[in-house]
Structure formats: structure tokens, C-alpha cells
Amino acid sequence: MATDAPHGTELAVAGECCETLRGILEADDYEPLFSLEDNGSIYITVGLGESEEDGAGLLDHVMSYCPFCGTRQPEASDAETEVKSS
């Protein structure tokens, strides 16, 4: 695992901390487990959930730290846990 960003630093762009996370976000193989949203936050699917509006779907949570190198990821102000219908 190669780390490009110094441990403990916060990035300006989500997902640019290491080769592993960049590769996952660029590949279609890991969708919908990891997703880079339009608001600039990375969401990771943590389970199944249900909402009154959309019904059953995937429960996504904002990823605050890279699980591969530990670098803090930038978060958009409107980022939150949400259920997305699949």
C-alpha cells in the first residue's frame, strides 16, 4: 500500500490520498460500496436501510478517513448518512 499524503493531513480533494483509494474510485467494480458524490464527499455503503420516500435501499455513510492509509478526507457541509434506493 503506497501512501501519497502524509498521515494525519487533510486533503483538498476527496480520494486523492493513496493509490489504493484512487484505484477503487476509478473502477466500476466497487460501485456502490464506495462512491464519490457530486458534493465532494466519499460515501461508503454500510448496510441496508429503508426510508419512507424511497423504500428499501443501501445505507451510505460519509467516509471521514481513508480505510487504506488513514488520511482524513474532506467533507462537504451537507454530507450525512443517507439511504439511497438501489
C-alpha atoms as a PDB file:
ATOM      1  CA  MET A   1       0.000   0.000   0.000  1.00  0.00           C
ATOM      2  CA  ALA A   2       1.521   3.284  -1.091  1.00  0.00           C
ATOM      3  CA  THR A   3       0.625   6.456   0.750  1.00  0.00           C
ATOM      4  CA  ASP A   4       0.998   9.722  -1.104  1.00  0.00           C
ATOM      5  CA  ALA A   5      -0.390  12.092   1.542  1.00  0.00           C
ATOM      6  CA  PRO A   6       1.377  12.445   4.909  1.00  0.00           C
ATOM      7  CA  HIS A   7      -0.533  10.610   7.669  1.00  0.00           C
ATOM      8  CA  GLY A   8      -2.800  12.911   9.651  1.00  0.00           C
ATOM      9  CA  THR A   9      -3.179  15.543   6.929  1.00  0.00           C
ATOM     10  CA  GLU A  10      -6.480  16.610   5.416  1.00  0.00           C
ATOM     11  CA  LEU A  11      -6.843  16.647   1.649  1.00  0.00           C
ATOM     12  CA  ALA A  12      -8.372  19.346  -0.527  1.00  0.00           C
ATOM     13  CA  VAL A  13      -9.879  16.707  -2.855  1.00  0.00           C
ATOM     14  CA  ALA A  14     -11.501  13.538  -1.538  1.00  0.00           C
ATOM     15  CA  GLY A  15      -9.983  10.251  -2.667  1.00  0.00           C
ATOM     16  CA  GLU A  16      -6.556  11.568  -3.650  1.00  0.00           C
ATOM     17  CA  CYS A  17      -4.672  10.244  -0.607  1.00  0.00           C
ATOM     18  CA  CYS A  18      -3.329   6.933  -1.901  1.00  0.00           C
ATOM     19  CA  GLU A  19      -3.118   4.739  -4.972  1.00  0.00           C
ATOM     20  CA  THR A  20      -5.483   2.158  -3.473  1.00  0.00           C
ATOM     21  CA  LEU A  21      -8.397   4.547  -2.890  1.00  0.00           C
ATOM     22  CA  ARG A  22      -7.845   6.310  -6.232  1.00  0.00           C
ATOM     23  CA  GLY A  23      -7.992   2.953  -7.983  1.00  0.00           C
ATOM     24  CA  ILE A  24     -11.195   1.945  -6.214  1.00  0.00           C
ATOM     25  CA  LEU A  25     -12.953   5.213  -7.019  1.00  0.00           C
ATOM     26  CA  GLU A  26     -11.923   4.987 -10.684  1.00  0.00           C
ATOM     27  CA  ALA A  27     -13.027   1.338 -11.091  1.00  0.00           C
ATOM     28  CA  ASP A  28     -16.632   0.289 -11.642  1.00  0.00           C
ATOM     29  CA  ASP A  29     -16.048  -2.962  -9.730  1.00  0.00           C
ATOM     30  CA  TYR A  30     -16.606  -1.372  -6.319  1.00  0.00           C
ATOM     31  CA  GLU A  31     -19.768   0.592  -7.082  1.00  0.00           C
ATOM     32  CA  PRO A  32     -21.856   1.058  -4.956  1.00  0.00           C
ATOM     33  CA  LEU A  33     -19.592   0.150  -1.994  1.00  0.00           C
ATOM     34  CA  PHE A  34     -17.515   3.339  -2.460  1.00  0.00           C
ATOM     35  CA  SER A  35     -18.834   6.371  -4.314  1.00  0.00           C
ATOM     36  CA  LEU A  36     -17.547   9.897  -4.845  1.00  0.00           C
ATOM     37  CA  GLU A  37     -20.590  12.159  -4.867  1.00  0.00           C
ATOM     38  CA  ASP A  38     -21.133  15.497  -6.604  1.00  0.00           C
ATOM     39  CA  ASN A  39     -20.872  17.286  -3.235  1.00  0.00           C
ATOM     40  CA  GLY A  40     -17.223  16.177  -2.963  1.00  0.00           C
ATOM     41  CA  SER A  41     -17.707  13.557  -0.238  1.00  0.00           C
ATOM     42  CA  ILE A  42     -16.924   9.864  -0.441  1.00  0.00           C
ATOM     43  CA  TYR A  43     -19.720   7.611   0.759  1.00  0.00           C
ATOM     44  CA  ILE A  44     -19.231   4.010   1.841  1.00  0.00           C
ATOM     45  CA  THR A  45     -22.135   1.562   1.954  1.00  0.00           C
ATOM     46  CA  VAL A  46     -22.509   0.199   5.476  1.00  0.00           C
ATOM     47  CA  GLY A  47     -25.724  -1.822   5.213  1.00  0.00           C
ATOM     48  CA  LEU A  48     -29.313  -1.947   4.102  1.00  0.00           C
ATOM     49  CA  GLY A  49     -31.897   0.584   5.195  1.00  0.00           C
ATOM     50  CA  GLU A  50     -35.360   1.832   4.430  1.00  0.00           C
ATOM     51  CA  SER A  51     -36.853   5.289   4.079  1.00  0.00           C
ATOM     52  CA  GLU A  52     -40.482   6.333   3.747  1.00  0.00           C
ATOM     53  CA  GLU A  53     -39.751   8.191   0.498  1.00  0.00           C
ATOM     54  CA  ASP A  54     -37.587   5.660  -1.363  1.00  0.00           C
ATOM     55  CA  GLY A  55     -38.320   2.332   0.308  1.00  0.00           C
ATOM     56  CA  ALA A  56     -35.531  -0.217   0.742  1.00  0.00           C
ATOM     57  CA  GLY A  57     -32.034   0.717  -0.297  1.00  0.00           C
ATOM     58  CA  LEU A  58     -28.391   0.906   0.688  1.00  0.00           C
ATOM     59  CA  LEU A  59     -27.371   2.771   3.838  1.00  0.00           C
ATOM     60  CA  ASP A  60     -24.449   5.026   2.942  1.00  0.00           C
ATOM     61  CA  HIS A  61     -22.242   6.888   5.397  1.00  0.00           C
ATOM     62  CA  VAL A  62     -19.711   9.651   4.755  1.00  0.00           C
ATOM     63  CA  MET A  63     -16.179   8.271   4.842  1.00  0.00           C
ATOM     64  CA  SER A  64     -14.147  10.575   7.099  1.00  0.00           C
ATOM     65  CA  TYR A  65     -10.846   8.670   6.903  1.00  0.00           C
ATOM     66  CA  CYS A  66      -9.327   6.518   4.188  1.00  0.00           C
ATOM     67  CA  PRO A  67      -9.566   2.860   5.307  1.00  0.00           C
ATOM     68  CA  PHE A  68      -6.317   2.098   3.467  1.00  0.00           C
ATOM     69  CA  CYS A  69      -3.912   4.846   4.601  1.00  0.00           C
ATOM     70  CA  GLY A  70      -5.780   6.697   7.392  1.00  0.00           C
ATOM     71  CA  THR A  71      -5.762  10.142   5.769  1.00  0.00           C
ATOM     72  CA  ARG A  72      -8.649  12.418   6.771  1.00  0.00           C
ATOM     73  CA  GLN A  73     -10.961  13.093   3.824  1.00  0.00           C
ATOM     74  CA  PRO A  74     -12.573  16.473   3.187  1.00  0.00           C
ATOM     75  CA  GLU A  75     -16.315  16.568   3.814  1.00  0.00           C
ATOM     76  CA  ALA A  76     -18.908  18.754   2.201  1.00  0.00           C
ATOM     77  CA  SER A  77     -21.031  20.687   4.689  1.00  0.00           C
ATOM     78  CA  ASP A  78     -24.197  18.906   3.552  1.00  0.00           C
ATOM     79  CA  ALA A  79     -22.723  15.385   3.805  1.00  0.00           C
ATOM     80  CA  GLU A  80     -24.641  12.996   6.013  1.00  0.00           C
ATOM     81  CA  THR A  81     -25.685   9.372   6.343  1.00  0.00           C
ATOM     82  CA  GLU A  82     -28.471   8.588   3.911  1.00  0.00           C
ATOM     83  CA  VAL A  83     -30.463   5.765   2.394  1.00  0.00           C
ATOM     84  CA  LYS A  84     -30.222   5.534  -1.393  1.00  0.00           C
ATOM     85  CA  SER A  85     -32.659   3.326  -3.220  1.00  0.00           C
ATOM     86  CA  SER A  86     -30.984   0.746  -5.396  1.00  0.00           C
END
